[in-house]
Amino acid sequence: MNFDFGEVLSRAWEIAWRHKVLWIFGFIQTMAGFLLLPLAVIPVAAPLLSDPSGGILNEPWFFPLFIAGFLIFMLLLYPLNVLLNGALSVGVLHAERGEEAPSFAGLVRESLPFFWRLLALMLLFAGGMLLVMFIFFTLQGFLSILTLGLAAMCTAPLSLLTYPLFFVWYVWMEQSMAATIADNMNAMDAAKQGWEIFRNNMSAIVVIGLVLYFGMSLIGGVAMTPLILPFFVVPFAIGLEEFRNGIFLFAGLCAVVYVPLFAVFQGALMALMKSGWILTYLRLTRSPKLQTLLV
């Protein structure tokens, strides 16, 4: 099947720019992800904020409570991401059909029938990836014990294969999610459909995947640089006790100002990426005649 990369990318840009309600879903996801920052900073900042004897770090409940809070937060964040991804996909489909995308609340309501199927699908992919990684590292560890570490050196280059493996996993999952929403499939059928699309259109999928995933990730990484830079001065607070509070205040103010701006930008990028993946699925599964009916 002929695949017009320029048409898909330009149409994805048009959808993301014209329907800014779609940005809200990525904005919420990004802001929720930033809530992890305090949890990540606590282990680093605790020694700076505690007394020389260790303070709260010596309490037996500190790290178990910290780990439990982190896990609970992740368990809550995962269903939220599923819901937002589903609503964003529904919004892209409305836009592609030439319809005005409903309100934020309307898109959430329309996505609810897909929630459990999308959750099952994402858990299936997450579980599959974890299983593959567990088998690889378990086998590597076992062989390292038998060969006194020699196998670890020999198999280290194989770890580079995890990057293309993750890319295939990501593309497969995106196409499966698109199948769930666009064609109302269950989790297993959508996973099969996603794999068939990847296998039968590998060249087109790889090229569009490189543009959507690596290209957008690079843009997002560059945009995030101003947020990261102030935190590079935080380690200096260890040796500059008299400036410690000022350094923390400076980093905190930079985060408060820049995080919402970055979240808006990231929301626009996520709307663009999701539009690209939905359009890719539609272009690869619909005949040209049927595609014109969707516009």
C-alpha atoms as a PDB file:
ATOM      1  CA  MET A   1       0.000   0.000   0.000  1.00  0.00           C
ATOM      2  CA  ASN A   2       1.300   3.481  -0.872  1.00  0.00           C
ATOM      3  CA  PHE A   3       1.895   5.541   2.240  1.00  0.00           C
ATOM      4  CA  ASP A   4       2.137   9.318   1.955  1.00  0.00           C
ATOM      5  CA  PHE A   5       4.345  10.407   4.862  1.00  0.00           C
ATOM      6  CA  GLY A   6       3.945  14.077   4.065  1.00  0.00           C
ATOM      7  CA  GLU A   7       0.143  13.843   4.050  1.00  0.00           C
ATOM      8  CA  VAL A   8       0.066  12.026   7.397  1.00  0.00           C
ATOM      9  CA  LEU A   9       2.438  14.462   9.113  1.00  0.00           C
ATOM     10  CA  SER A  10       0.774  17.582   7.679  1.00  0.00           C
ATOM     11  CA  ARG A  11      -2.684  16.300   8.589  1.00  0.00           C
ATOM     12  CA  ALA A  12      -1.478  15.404  12.098  1.00  0.00           C
ATOM     13  CA  TRP A  13      -0.092  18.936  12.471  1.00  0.00           C
ATOM     14  CA  GLU A  14      -3.381  20.414  11.253  1.00  0.00           C
ATOM     15  CA  ILE A  15      -5.414  18.366  13.742  1.00  0.00           C
ATOM     16  CA  ALA A  16      -3.137  19.165  16.676  1.00  0.00           C
ATOM     17  CA  TRP A  17      -3.070  22.883  15.882  1.00  0.00           C
ATOM     18  CA  ARG A  18      -6.765  23.387  15.134  1.00  0.00           C
ATOM     19  CA  HIS A  19      -8.109  21.341  18.051  1.00  0.00           C
ATOM     20  CA  LYS A  20      -6.276  22.696  21.062  1.00  0.00           C
ATOM     21  CA  VAL A  21      -8.642  20.915  23.435  1.00  0.00           C
ATOM     22  CA  LEU A  22      -6.488  17.869  22.658  1.00  0.00           C
ATOM     23  CA  TRP A  23      -3.530  19.566  24.332  1.00  0.00           C
ATOM     24  CA  ILE A  24      -5.252  19.319  27.702  1.00  0.00           C
ATOM     25  CA  PHE A  25      -4.802  15.554  27.911  1.00  0.00           C
ATOM     26  CA  GLY A  26      -1.053  15.757  27.417  1.00  0.00           C
ATOM     27  CA  PHE A  27      -0.889  18.727  29.787  1.00  0.00           C
ATOM     28  CA  ILE A  28      -2.542  16.714  32.567  1.00  0.00           C
ATOM     29  CA  GLN A  29      -0.296  13.710  31.919  1.00  0.00           C
ATOM     30  CA  THR A  30       2.813  15.867  32.044  1.00  0.00           C
ATOM     31  CA  MET A  31       1.779  17.681  35.216  1.00  0.00           C
ATOM     32  CA  ALA A  32       0.922  14.369  36.877  1.00  0.00           C
ATOM     33  CA  GLY A  33       4.340  13.046  35.862  1.00  0.00           C
ATOM     34  CA  PHE A  34       6.017  16.067  37.428  1.00  0.00           C
ATOM     35  CA  LEU A  35       4.449  15.105  40.738  1.00  0.00           C
ATOM     36  CA  LEU A  36       7.082  12.375  40.772  1.00  0.00           C
ATOM     37  CA  LEU A  37       9.778  15.046  41.122  1.00  0.00           C
ATOM     38  CA  PRO A  38       9.264  15.555  44.871  1.00  0.00           C
ATOM     39  CA  LEU A  39       9.476  11.788  45.366  1.00  0.00           C
ATOM     40  CA  ALA A  40      12.690  11.695  43.362  1.00  0.00           C
ATOM     41  CA  VAL A  41      14.173  14.685  45.195  1.00  0.00           C
ATOM     42  CA  ILE A  42      13.402  13.430  48.705  1.00  0.00           C
ATOM     43  CA  PRO A  43      16.232  10.848  48.889  1.00  0.00           C
ATOM     44  CA  VAL A  44      18.694  13.465  47.594  1.00  0.00           C
ATOM     45  CA  ALA A  45      17.463  16.389  49.668  1.00  0.00           C
ATOM     46  CA  ALA A  46      16.918  14.474  52.907  1.00  0.00           C
ATOM     47  CA  PRO A  47      20.642  14.400  53.858  1.00  0.00           C
ATOM     48  CA  LEU A  48      20.845  18.142  53.220  1.00  0.00           C
ATOM     49  CA  LEU A  49      17.794  18.945  55.303  1.00  0.00           C
ATOM     50  CA  SER A  50      18.502  16.545  58.168  1.00  0.00           C
ATOM     51  CA  ASP A  51      20.896  17.037  61.060  1.00  0.00           C
ATOM     52  CA  PRO A  52      24.389  15.477  61.066  1.00  0.00           C
ATOM     53  CA  SER A  53      23.173  12.465  63.029  1.00  0.00           C
ATOM     54  CA  GLY A  54      20.911  11.490  60.170  1.00  0.00           C
ATOM     55  CA  GLY A  55      17.572  12.664  61.554  1.00  0.00           C
ATOM     56  CA  ILE A  56      14.617  11.284  59.647  1.00  0.00           C
ATOM     57  CA  LEU A  57      16.872   9.059  57.572  1.00  0.00           C
ATOM     58  CA  ASN A  58      17.582   6.944  60.634  1.00  0.00           C
ATOM     59  CA  GLU A  59      13.902   6.337  61.271  1.00  0.00           C
ATOM     60  CA  PRO A  60      13.039   2.718  60.372  1.00  0.00           C
ATOM     61  CA  TRP A  61       9.766   3.744  58.752  1.00  0.00           C
ATOM     62  CA  PHE A  62      11.201   6.376  56.361  1.00  0.00           C
ATOM     63  CA  PHE A  63      12.266   4.301  53.349  1.00  0.00           C
ATOM     64  CA  PRO A  64       9.421   1.713  53.544  1.00  0.00           C
ATOM     65  CA  LEU A  65       6.929   4.593  53.680  1.00  0.00           C
ATOM     66  CA  PHE A  66       8.710   6.352  50.821  1.00  0.00           C
ATOM     67  CA  ILE A  67       8.687   3.225  48.623  1.00  0.00           C
ATOM     68  CA  ALA A  68       5.033   2.506  49.444  1.00  0.00           C
ATOM     69  CA  GLY A  69       4.043   6.071  48.559  1.00  0.00           C
ATOM     70  CA  PHE A  70       5.927   5.869  45.288  1.00  0.00           C
ATOM     71  CA  LEU A  71       4.255   2.583  44.309  1.00  0.00           C
ATOM     72  CA  ILE A  72       0.780   3.841  45.240  1.00  0.00           C
ATOM     73  CA  PHE A  73       1.320   6.964  43.163  1.00  0.00           C
ATOM     74  CA  MET A  74       2.429   4.893  40.160  1.00  0.00           C
ATOM     75  CA  LEU A  75      -0.613   2.628  40.502  1.00  0.00           C
ATOM     76  CA  LEU A  76      -2.868   5.685  40.413  1.00  0.00           C
ATOM     77  CA  LEU A  77      -0.983   7.320  37.558  1.00  0.00           C
ATOM     78  CA  TYR A  78      -1.237   4.328  35.227  1.00  0.00           C
ATOM     79  CA  PRO A  79      -5.083   4.243  34.955  1.00  0.00           C
ATOM     80  CA  LEU A  80      -5.074   8.027  34.577  1.00  0.00           C
ATOM     81  CA  ASN A  81      -2.714   7.753  31.606  1.00  0.00           C
ATOM     82  CA  VAL A  82      -4.936   5.073  30.067  1.00  0.00           C
ATOM     83  CA  LEU A  83      -8.014   7.283  30.388  1.00  0.00           C
ATOM     84  CA  LEU A  84      -6.255  10.335  28.952  1.00  0.00           C
ATOM     85  CA  ASN A  85      -4.794   8.339  26.052  1.00  0.00           C
ATOM     86  CA  GLY A  86      -8.228   6.971  25.199  1.00  0.00           C
ATOM     87  CA  ALA A  87      -9.889  10.386  25.304  1.00  0.00           C
ATOM     88  CA  LEU A  88      -7.116  11.896  23.184  1.00  0.00           C
ATOM     89  CA  SER A  89      -7.534   9.133  20.586  1.00  0.00           C
ATOM     90  CA  VAL A  90     -11.295   9.696  20.442  1.00  0.00           C
ATOM     91  CA  GLY A  91     -10.690  13.406  19.919  1.00  0.00           C
ATOM     92  CA  VAL A  92      -8.277  12.753  17.049  1.00  0.00           C
ATOM     93  CA  LEU A  93     -10.853  10.505  15.355  1.00  0.00           C
ATOM     94  CA  HIS A  94     -13.490  13.235  15.633  1.00  0.00           C
ATOM     95  CA  ALA A  95     -11.092  15.729  14.066  1.00  0.00           C
ATOM     96  CA  GLU A  96     -10.101  13.339  11.242  1.00  0.00           C
ATOM     97  CA  ARG A  97     -13.770  12.819  10.345  1.00  0.00           C
ATOM     98  CA  GLY A  98     -14.167  16.573   9.967  1.00  0.00           C
ATOM     99  CA  GLU A  99     -16.223  16.876  13.141  1.00  0.00           C
ATOM    100  CA  GLU A 100     -15.679  19.454  15.819  1.00  0.00           C
ATOM    101  CA  ALA A 101     -14.045  17.721  18.765  1.00  0.00           C
ATOM    102  CA  PRO A 102     -16.337  17.660  21.822  1.00  0.00           C
ATOM    103  CA  SER A 103     -15.365  19.341  25.047  1.00  0.00           C
ATOM    104  CA  PHE A 104     -12.774  17.860  27.367  1.00  0.00           C
ATOM    105  CA  ALA A 105     -15.471  16.290  29.542  1.00  0.00           C
ATOM    106  CA  GLY A 106     -17.298  14.998  26.458  1.00  0.00           C
ATOM    107  CA  LEU A 107     -14.198  13.262  25.135  1.00  0.00           C
ATOM    108  CA  VAL A 108     -13.572  11.661  28.527  1.00  0.00           C
ATOM    109  CA  ARG A 109     -17.140  10.339  28.606  1.00  0.00           C
ATOM    110  CA  GLU A 110     -16.837   8.945  25.074  1.00  0.00           C
ATOM    111  CA  SER A 111     -13.595   7.169  25.974  1.00  0.00           C
ATOM    112  CA  LEU A 112     -14.994   5.409  29.050  1.00  0.00           C
ATOM    113  CA  PRO A 113     -16.321   2.363  27.099  1.00  0.00           C
ATOM    114  CA  PHE A 114     -12.747   1.738  25.905  1.00  0.00           C
ATOM    115  CA  PHE A 115     -11.106   2.175  29.309  1.00  0.00           C
ATOM    116  CA  TRP A 116     -10.933  -1.435  30.474  1.00  0.00           C
ATOM    117  CA  ARG A 117      -9.868  -2.713  27.075  1.00  0.00           C
ATOM    118  CA  LEU A 118      -7.118  -0.108  26.826  1.00  0.00           C
ATOM    119  CA  LEU A 119      -6.015  -0.859  30.381  1.00  0.00           C
ATOM    120  CA  ALA A 120      -5.875  -4.586  29.627  1.00  0.00           C
ATOM    121  CA  LEU A 121      -3.955  -3.871  26.426  1.00  0.00           C
ATOM    122  CA  MET A 122      -1.370  -1.640  28.105  1.00  0.00           C
ATOM    123  CA  LEU A 123      -0.928  -4.098  30.966  1.00  0.00           C
ATOM    124  CA  LEU A 124      -0.453  -6.867  28.404  1.00  0.00           C
ATOM    125  CA  PHE A 125       2.317  -4.927  26.687  1.00  0.00           C
ATOM    126  CA  ALA A 126       3.912  -3.808  29.942  1.00  0.00           C
ATOM    127  CA  GLY A 127       3.846  -7.353  31.303  1.00  0.00           C
ATOM    128  CA  GLY A 128       5.294  -8.738  28.079  1.00  0.00           C
ATOM    129  CA  MET A 129       8.167  -6.248  28.101  1.00  0.00           C
ATOM    130  CA  LEU A 130       8.927  -6.902  31.774  1.00  0.00           C
ATOM    131  CA  LEU A 131       8.903 -10.656  31.142  1.00  0.00           C
ATOM    132  CA  VAL A 132      11.350 -10.359  28.242  1.00  0.00           C
ATOM    133  CA  MET A 133      13.680  -8.120  30.250  1.00  0.00           C
ATOM    134  CA  PHE A 134      13.463 -10.414  33.294  1.00  0.00           C
ATOM    135  CA  ILE A 135      14.354 -13.476  31.226  1.00  0.00           C
ATOM    136  CA  PHE A 136      17.286 -11.696  29.582  1.00  0.00           C
ATOM    137  CA  PHE A 137      18.826 -10.324  32.774  1.00  0.00           C
ATOM    138  CA  THR A 138      18.171 -13.538  34.722  1.00  0.00           C
ATOM    139  CA  LEU A 139      19.909 -15.572  32.031  1.00  0.00           C
ATOM    140  CA  GLN A 140      22.754 -13.054  31.930  1.00  0.00           C
ATOM    141  CA  GLY A 141      23.159 -13.232  35.711  1.00  0.00           C
ATOM    142  CA  PHE A 142      23.054 -17.029  35.752  1.00  0.00           C
ATOM    143  CA  LEU A 143      25.679 -17.311  33.007  1.00  0.00           C
ATOM    144  CA  SER A 144      27.833 -14.723  34.770  1.00  0.00           C
ATOM    145  CA  ILE A 145      27.861 -16.835  37.918  1.00  0.00           C
ATOM    146  CA  LEU A 146      28.843 -19.940  35.960  1.00  0.00           C
ATOM    147  CA  THR A 147      31.608 -18.148  34.060  1.00  0.00           C
ATOM    148  CA  LEU A 148      32.828 -15.930  36.923  1.00  0.00           C
ATOM    149  CA  GLY A 149      31.677 -12.761  35.184  1.00  0.00           C
ATOM    150  CA  LEU A 150      32.964 -13.551  31.704  1.00  0.00           C
ATOM    151  CA  ALA A 151      29.437 -14.017  30.311  1.00  0.00           C
ATOM    152  CA  ALA A 152      28.434 -10.564  31.541  1.00  0.00           C
ATOM    153  CA  MET A 153      31.167  -9.018  29.402  1.00  0.00           C
ATOM    154  CA  CYS A 154      30.250 -11.141  26.387  1.00  0.00           C
ATOM    155  CA  THR A 155      26.514 -10.471  26.612  1.00  0.00           C
ATOM    156  CA  ALA A 156      26.813  -6.751  27.403  1.00  0.00           C
ATOM    157  CA  PRO A 157      26.657  -5.770  23.686  1.00  0.00           C
ATOM    158  CA  LEU A 158      23.407  -7.709  23.430  1.00  0.00           C
ATOM    159  CA  SER A 159      21.834  -5.153  25.770  1.00  0.00           C
ATOM    160  CA  LEU A 160      21.955  -2.740  22.832  1.00  0.00           C
ATOM    161  CA  LEU A 161      19.214  -4.859  21.284  1.00  0.00           C
ATOM    162  CA  THR A 162      16.851  -3.540  23.954  1.00  0.00           C
ATOM    163  CA  TYR A 163      16.634  -0.230  22.073  1.00  0.00           C
ATOM    164  CA  PRO A 164      15.188  -1.597  18.809  1.00  0.00           C
ATOM    165  CA  LEU A 165      13.124  -4.013  20.912  1.00  0.00           C
ATOM    166  CA  PHE A 166      11.610  -1.126  22.838  1.00  0.00           C
ATOM    167  CA  PHE A 167      10.948   0.737  19.581  1.00  0.00           C
ATOM    168  CA  VAL A 168       9.063  -2.254  18.120  1.00  0.00           C
ATOM    169  CA  TRP A 169       7.169  -2.631  21.400  1.00  0.00           C
ATOM    170  CA  TYR A 170       6.180   1.044  21.391  1.00  0.00           C
ATOM    171  CA  VAL A 171       5.033   1.103  17.744  1.00  0.00           C
ATOM    172  CA  TRP A 172       3.131  -2.152  18.153  1.00  0.00           C
ATOM    173  CA  MET A 173       1.368  -0.836  21.250  1.00  0.00           C
ATOM    174  CA  GLU A 174       0.417   2.470  19.586  1.00  0.00           C
ATOM    175  CA  GLN A 175      -1.103   0.695  16.592  1.00  0.00           C
ATOM    176  CA  SER A 176      -2.937  -1.718  18.897  1.00  0.00           C
ATOM    177  CA  MET A 177      -4.377   1.182  20.885  1.00  0.00           C
ATOM    178  CA  ALA A 178      -5.493   2.805  17.640  1.00  0.00           C
ATOM    179  CA  ALA A 179      -7.198  -0.459  16.626  1.00  0.00           C
ATOM    180  CA  THR A 180      -9.038  -0.578  19.965  1.00  0.00           C
ATOM    181  CA  ILE A 181     -10.477   2.907  19.475  1.00  0.00           C
ATOM    182  CA  ALA A 182     -10.935   3.105  15.703  1.00  0.00           C
ATOM    183  CA  ASP A 183     -12.293  -0.413  15.158  1.00  0.00           C
ATOM    184  CA  ASN A 184     -13.772  -1.136  18.598  1.00  0.00           C
ATOM    185  CA  MET A 185     -11.606  -4.240  19.168  1.00  0.00           C
ATOM    186  CA  ASN A 186     -10.886  -6.116  22.365  1.00  0.00           C
ATOM    187  CA  ALA A 187      -7.360  -6.235  23.777  1.00  0.00           C
ATOM    188  CA  MET A 188      -6.223  -9.501  22.163  1.00  0.00           C
ATOM    189  CA  ASP A 189      -7.682  -8.738  18.733  1.00  0.00           C
ATOM    190  CA  ALA A 190      -6.182  -5.260  18.835  1.00  0.00           C
ATOM    191  CA  ALA A 191      -2.754  -6.676  19.713  1.00  0.00           C
ATOM    192  CA  LYS A 192      -2.980  -9.090  16.779  1.00  0.00           C
ATOM    193  CA  GLN A 193      -4.103  -6.301  14.463  1.00  0.00           C
ATOM    194  CA  GLY A 194      -1.261  -4.058  15.639  1.00  0.00           C
ATOM    195  CA  TRP A 195       1.300  -6.775  14.953  1.00  0.00           C
ATOM    196  CA  GLU A 196      -0.115  -7.496  11.500  1.00  0.00           C
ATOM    197  CA  ILE A 197       0.119  -3.817  10.612  1.00  0.00           C
ATOM    198  CA  PHE A 198       3.714  -3.648  11.811  1.00  0.00           C
ATOM    199  CA  ARG A 199       4.740  -6.856  10.041  1.00  0.00           C
ATOM    200  CA  ASN A 200       3.058  -6.055   6.719  1.00  0.00           C
ATOM    201  CA  ASN A 201       4.095  -2.386   6.575  1.00  0.00           C
ATOM    202  CA  MET A 202       7.434  -2.470   8.349  1.00  0.00           C
ATOM    203  CA  SER A 203       9.246   0.122   6.232  1.00  0.00           C
ATOM    204  CA  ALA A 204       6.470   2.703   6.486  1.00  0.00           C
ATOM    205  CA  ILE A 205       5.952   2.043  10.203  1.00  0.00           C
ATOM    206  CA  VAL A 206       9.654   2.343  10.992  1.00  0.00           C
ATOM    207  CA  VAL A 207      10.037   5.641   9.140  1.00  0.00           C
ATOM    208  CA  ILE A 208       6.932   7.244  10.646  1.00  0.00           C
ATOM    209  CA  GLY A 209       7.931   5.846  14.048  1.00  0.00           C
ATOM    210  CA  LEU A 210      11.371   7.433  13.843  1.00  0.00           C
ATOM    211  CA  VAL A 211       9.781  10.774  13.026  1.00  0.00           C
ATOM    212  CA  LEU A 212       7.021  10.623  15.629  1.00  0.00           C
ATOM    213  CA  TYR A 213       8.922   9.023  18.505  1.00  0.00           C
ATOM    214  CA  PHE A 214      12.559  10.063  18.177  1.00  0.00           C
ATOM    215  CA  GLY A 215      11.843  13.364  16.463  1.00  0.00           C
ATOM    216  CA  MET A 216       9.237  14.501  18.990  1.00  0.00           C
ATOM    217  CA  SER A 217      11.276  13.136  21.898  1.00  0.00           C
ATOM    218  CA  LEU A 218      14.262  15.172  20.726  1.00  0.00           C
ATOM    219  CA  ILE A 219      12.162  18.329  20.494  1.00  0.00           C
ATOM    220  CA  GLY A 220      10.702  17.669  23.937  1.00  0.00           C
ATOM    221  CA  GLY A 221      14.154  17.042  25.383  1.00  0.00           C
ATOM    222  CA  VAL A 222      15.469  20.342  24.024  1.00  0.00           C
ATOM    223  CA  ALA A 223      12.428  22.160  25.418  1.00  0.00           C
ATOM    224  CA  MET A 224      13.009  20.578  28.837  1.00  0.00           C
ATOM    225  CA  THR A 225      16.639  21.733  29.078  1.00  0.00           C
ATOM    226  CA  PRO A 226      15.821  25.107  30.716  1.00  0.00           C
ATOM    227  CA  LEU A 227      13.929  23.206  33.427  1.00  0.00           C
ATOM    228  CA  ILE A 228      16.833  20.859  34.168  1.00  0.00           C
ATOM    229  CA  LEU A 229      19.648  23.418  34.197  1.00  0.00           C
ATOM    230  CA  PRO A 230      18.732  25.122  37.517  1.00  0.00           C
ATOM    231  CA  PHE A 231      18.854  21.767  39.298  1.00  0.00           C
ATOM    232  CA  PHE A 232      22.503  21.310  38.346  1.00  0.00           C
ATOM    233  CA  VAL A 233      23.348  23.902  40.979  1.00  0.00           C
ATOM    234  CA  VAL A 234      21.557  21.966  43.733  1.00  0.00           C
ATOM    235  CA  PRO A 235      24.572  19.669  44.497  1.00  0.00           C
ATOM    236  CA  PHE A 236      26.599  22.779  45.278  1.00  0.00           C
ATOM    237  CA  ALA A 237      24.277  23.327  48.240  1.00  0.00           C
ATOM    238  CA  ILE A 238      26.107  20.502  50.012  1.00  0.00           C
ATOM    239  CA  GLY A 239      29.334  22.518  50.227  1.00  0.00           C
ATOM    240  CA  LEU A 240      27.805  25.993  50.473  1.00  0.00           C
ATOM    241  CA  GLU A 241      25.759  25.778  53.623  1.00  0.00           C
ATOM    242  CA  GLU A 242      25.233  29.540  53.880  1.00  0.00           C
ATOM    243  CA  PHE A 243      23.703  29.626  50.376  1.00  0.00           C
ATOM    244  CA  ARG A 244      21.749  26.383  50.691  1.00  0.00           C
ATOM    245  CA  ASN A 245      18.308  27.910  51.190  1.00  0.00           C
ATOM    246  CA  GLY A 246      18.864  30.392  48.377  1.00  0.00           C
ATOM    247  CA  ILE A 247      19.903  27.677  45.941  1.00  0.00           C
ATOM    248  CA  PHE A 248      16.860  25.565  46.773  1.00  0.00           C
ATOM    249  CA  LEU A 249      14.612  28.618  46.458  1.00  0.00           C
ATOM    250  CA  PHE A 250      16.099  29.499  43.057  1.00  0.00           C
ATOM    251  CA  ALA A 251      15.622  25.963  41.710  1.00  0.00           C
ATOM    252  CA  GLY A 252      12.093  25.818  43.109  1.00  0.00           C
ATOM    253  CA  LEU A 253      11.051  29.131  41.555  1.00  0.00           C
ATOM    254  CA  CYS A 254      12.437  28.062  38.175  1.00  0.00           C
ATOM    255  CA  ALA A 255      10.406  24.862  38.385  1.00  0.00           C
ATOM    256  CA  VAL A 256       7.203  26.683  39.391  1.00  0.00           C
ATOM    257  CA  VAL A 257       7.519  29.090  36.462  1.00  0.00           C
ATOM    258  CA  TYR A 258       8.681  26.680  33.769  1.00  0.00           C
ATOM    259  CA  VAL A 259       6.828  23.425  34.544  1.00  0.00           C
ATOM    260  CA  PRO A 260       3.350  24.682  33.454  1.00  0.00           C
ATOM    261  CA  LEU A 261       4.821  26.201  30.274  1.00  0.00           C
ATOM    262  CA  PHE A 262       6.610  22.979  29.436  1.00  0.00           C
ATOM    263  CA  ALA A 263       3.440  20.968  30.194  1.00  0.00           C
ATOM    264  CA  VAL A 264       1.492  23.030  27.640  1.00  0.00           C
ATOM    265  CA  PHE A 265       4.224  22.465  25.054  1.00  0.00           C
ATOM    266  CA  GLN A 266       4.360  18.762  25.863  1.00  0.00           C
ATOM    267  CA  GLY A 267       0.574  18.555  25.591  1.00  0.00           C
ATOM    268  CA  ALA A 268       0.774  19.931  22.053  1.00  0.00           C
ATOM    269  CA  LEU A 269       3.514  17.427  21.155  1.00  0.00           C
ATOM    270  CA  MET A 270       1.497  14.514  22.553  1.00  0.00           C
ATOM    271  CA  ALA A 271      -1.553  15.611  20.537  1.00  0.00           C
ATOM    272  CA  LEU A 272       0.641  15.714  17.422  1.00  0.00           C
ATOM    273  CA  MET A 273       2.135  12.271  18.106  1.00  0.00           C
ATOM    274  CA  LYS A 274      -1.211  10.650  18.841  1.00  0.00           C
ATOM    275  CA  SER A 275      -2.687  12.204  15.690  1.00  0.00           C
ATOM    276  CA  GLY A 276       0.193  10.767  13.696  1.00  0.00           C
ATOM    277  CA  TRP A 277      -0.311   7.267  15.087  1.00  0.00           C
ATOM    278  CA  ILE A 278      -4.078   7.289  14.602  1.00  0.00           C
ATOM    279  CA  LEU A 279      -3.701   8.565  11.032  1.00  0.00           C
ATOM    280  CA  THR A 280      -1.034   5.951  10.321  1.00  0.00           C
ATOM    281  CA  TYR A 281      -3.411   3.220  11.455  1.00  0.00           C
ATOM    282  CA  LEU A 282      -6.266   4.597   9.356  1.00  0.00           C
ATOM    283  CA  ARG A 283      -4.121   5.002   6.243  1.00  0.00           C
ATOM    284  CA  LEU A 284      -2.762   1.452   6.525  1.00  0.00           C
ATOM    285  CA  THR A 285      -6.109  -0.245   7.188  1.00  0.00           C
ATOM    286  CA  ARG A 286      -8.518   1.703   4.971  1.00  0.00           C
ATOM    287  CA  SER A 287      -8.735   1.741   1.213  1.00  0.00           C
ATOM    288  CA  PRO A 288      -8.218   5.167  -0.440  1.00  0.00           C
ATOM    289  CA  LYS A 289     -11.956   5.354  -1.142  1.00  0.00           C
ATOM    290  CA  LEU A 290     -12.833   4.744   2.474  1.00  0.00           C
ATOM    291  CA  GLN A 291     -10.168   7.204   3.630  1.00  0.00           C
ATOM    292  CA  THR A 292     -11.912  10.018   1.744  1.00  0.00           C
ATOM    293  CA  LEU A 293     -15.101   9.235   3.617  1.00  0.00           C
ATOM    294  CA  LEU A 294     -13.300   9.778   6.917  1.00  0.00           C
ATOM    295  CA  VAL A 295     -12.089  13.270   6.069  1.00  0.00           C
END
